[in-house]
Structures are given as C-alpha cells and as structure tokens.
Amino acid sequence: MQTYQDVVCTVCGCLCDDLEVDVDGNKVMKARNACAMGTSKFLSYTHDRIETPMIRKNGSQQPANLDEAITKVAEMLVNAKYPAIYGLALSSCETVRIALELTEEVGGVMDNQSVVCHGPGVLGLHEIGVSSCSLGEIKHRADLILCWGCNPDEAHPRHFERYSYTAKGRWRNGKADRKLVVVDVRQTSTARKADKFVQVDQGKDYELINALRTALRYEQIQQENVAGIPVEEIEELAELLRNAEFGVILFGLGVTQTSGKGRNLDGLFSLTRDLNKYTKFQIMPARGHFNVNGVNEVSAWQTGFPYGIDFSHGYPWYNPGETTVTDIVRRGENDAMLVVASDPIAHFPKALANRIRQLPLAAIDPVHSVTTMVADIVIPSAFAGIEYEGTAYRMDGVALPLKKVVEPPQGVLSDEDILKKILDKVREIKGRSA
C-alpha cells in the first residue's frame, strides 16, 4: 500500500490539494479529505472505461489499433476546410497547449466549455475589468460572502470549509466572523444556510443589480419593488455590502446563462467597482470543470484570447458570437469536429447535437459518453490528475500540479500524447501532399 500526499482533486474548480490517496496494486483504495464528488471520482474512475480505439465501419464502431485511429483523425482534420476542436476543460494545461498548436496547423477553430458556462463572465471582464483575489485571501480576510446565482454548497462542497464561509482564517474565526448572503431565484441548500437570502424574480438579475447600484449611491429608486424585492430590502442589502470590511461576490450559471447573460456580468463587475469606493470588495466566478479556468488561461497566454479562437485566417482571431463553436455549429460552418474530454451531444441543444452528428466526428475520452457512442473515431485516454500528471488552474487563477497516482490501462495514453501524435501525423500528411 502506498499513500500519496497532497493530491489535487480533479472534480470542480476548487482543486482541493490536500487529498491523501491510498493505492494498492495500481488501484485507488481510499481518498481521504475528498468530498463526495471527489471520492466518487477517485474510487470509480475505472468504471465504464473505453478500452480500445474504435473506427466506424459499415455503420458500426469496430475495434482498431491506435495508429490507425490517429491516422483517421489526422486525415479528417486535414481534409476539412474548417474543423472545430472542442472541450479540454477536463484535460491538463499541457494538453491545451498542444490542442492550440494542432488547431493552428489545420486552420480550424478551438473552443472550450466556457462557451456554455462562464463565457459571459469573460465578456464582462473585457467590458469593465475585474477586481479579484485568491481563495486564500477570502479565507483569511473576507467577512461577507455574496453568492449570486451559484450554489457552492452542492457544486463545490468544500468551498465553505476550505476557503470561505466556515473556514477559519488568520483574521476570521469561521462562520462567527462572516456573513453569507445569497441572491437566487430559488432557495438552494446554500440559501438555506445563508444569513440573508434574497429571492430575485427569474430573469431579473440585471434589474436588481442596477437597483442595488442606485441604492449604493444613496439615490432614490423610483419604484416600490424591483425584481420582486421591496426597495427597503434592496437599500438594507446595499448598506450591508457597504459596511463589509472585505467582501467577495461569487457568481455562477444563475447569472451567466440566464436572461441578460453578459449584461448581468457587466452589472456585477460594475457593482464590485462601485463597492470599492466604500470598502474592499472582490468578485470571482465559481468555475465548474476542474480546469476550465486553465483552458482560458493557456489559450489567453498562447493567443491573446480565452475561448472561441479561430485560426482559419492564418492567425488567431476571436469574436464571441462569430467564432464560438455553438454559433459555428448552428450556422453549419464547420465540416468536421474533434471533441476532447467533453460530451456536447448530451449537453448542447438538440438542434446543435443533431448537426454535430452529421459531421465527421472524432472523440478522445477516458469513458463512454453519448458523444463517443455516435463518433466516427474514438480514442481512449487517461484521466488527468489520476493516471497522468500535469498542471491545472484553480478558479482563482492559481496554478497547481496534478499528480499521477496509478498507471493507465495498458496501451492507453494521455490526451496530451494522443494530440501530439495527431499533430505529427497531420504534419506528415501535409508534407506528403505539399
């Protein structure tokens, strides 16, 4: 039995780095300190694995060798005029770097899960700018935590105990020294634990944010209630935020993927800026996939753009709504698709999923999914942070090393190595044709 210390959990954007993982005979036996989601992943990562590459022949997927599958994917990408590469939020940063190089080589577009989760937050950052901090600063200094449209109690189960509401920091004695405020359309489990819960009307976050900014400036709100909230309550909330010593706004898909989208985030970033006229306030997205922040970070420092990066002009180009994969697929512009560690057929709207199914489609994934079931080429990969090491970015932008604690199944490579092989094959094919 071997015990690995300080293992990083590869489930959510918290990237808890205090796991103790017991391994016996190349099998994970226990993952101490992990939440229920982390425990499930470390103990169940062997379930439903894809064991061999597959290529669709005569309408059904047939086992193939790795070299044959690599060649098929490379040919698909080279023969396409405008291929899309999508996913990577469950891969390492090193894999993202290779994926960008591959996309540039084939003149395609590369996008990640941000396009259907926190992409509007990125747009808000472009418009307004951001005042943010590390999770450590929240733990040691924050006395007010405002969760807007997010539910960390269920989506990030250790966020409160490690970094925020109940965490004991250098200058905050846990829950006794903090207030938790939740703004949401329904009473989530986080809302039930809150000191104050504000139930906003569905799709009215933007109106409430602007009313709150008005109240912060001590200006009169010319209505009796806004977004279902009495003006007196909005003014009380503004006073509570203004009087905090160190506040932080955590936001989730409840504002990024509801009515208003980017405008909601413009409003929340502006609210944070306004609050800093009175006190210290920060804002941070509650990211879901463990390395979706890493995809944005690596893409940004490689190309200047965080997602939806188009290389078809011979240089990186970015214009959300034009170069984002959901819009490209909806308009029927891409003619092939490579999916890495994602399941767009299950998660995209039905019309887009149907459109993807009609394309030449390849998938790289450790486990079976709806996307791998319909793909023309499937290549099994190893799990990042369990079967291969690398780097990932936490939701606050802190980079952490992922550890390898077990060997992957025989013949199964990391998605980083698979993409390197595809890139080499693409260059070989293009060299031959040139």
Foldseek 3Di string as FASTA:
>chain_A
DDKDAQFFQFFWLQRRRGWIWDDDPQATDATPPDDPVSGCCRRPVPPQFDDAKWFDDPHATDGDHLVVLLLVVLCQLQPWLAEEEEACLQAFLLLLLLVVVLCLLSQYWYFYPCLQWVVLLVVLCVVQNFFADDLLCQLAPFAEEEEEADDCVPQVVCSQCPRHAQDHHPHANHPVRHFYEYEEQDCDPSNVPGPYYHHFAFQQLLFLLVLLLCLLVVHDDPDQAGRPHGSVVSNVVSVVLLPTAEYEYEYTRSQCVGHCRNPSSNSVRVSQVSSVVRHHYGYFYRTHRRFLVSQQVSCCVVQVGRGLWGSNVVHTDDDPCPSHPQNCLVVLNTQEYEYEADACLVVPPVVSNVSRLVHQYEYEERRDDPRNRSHSIYAYADRELAADKHWGARRRGDIDIRDHDGHDPPPHYHSSVSSVSSSVSSVVVVVVVD
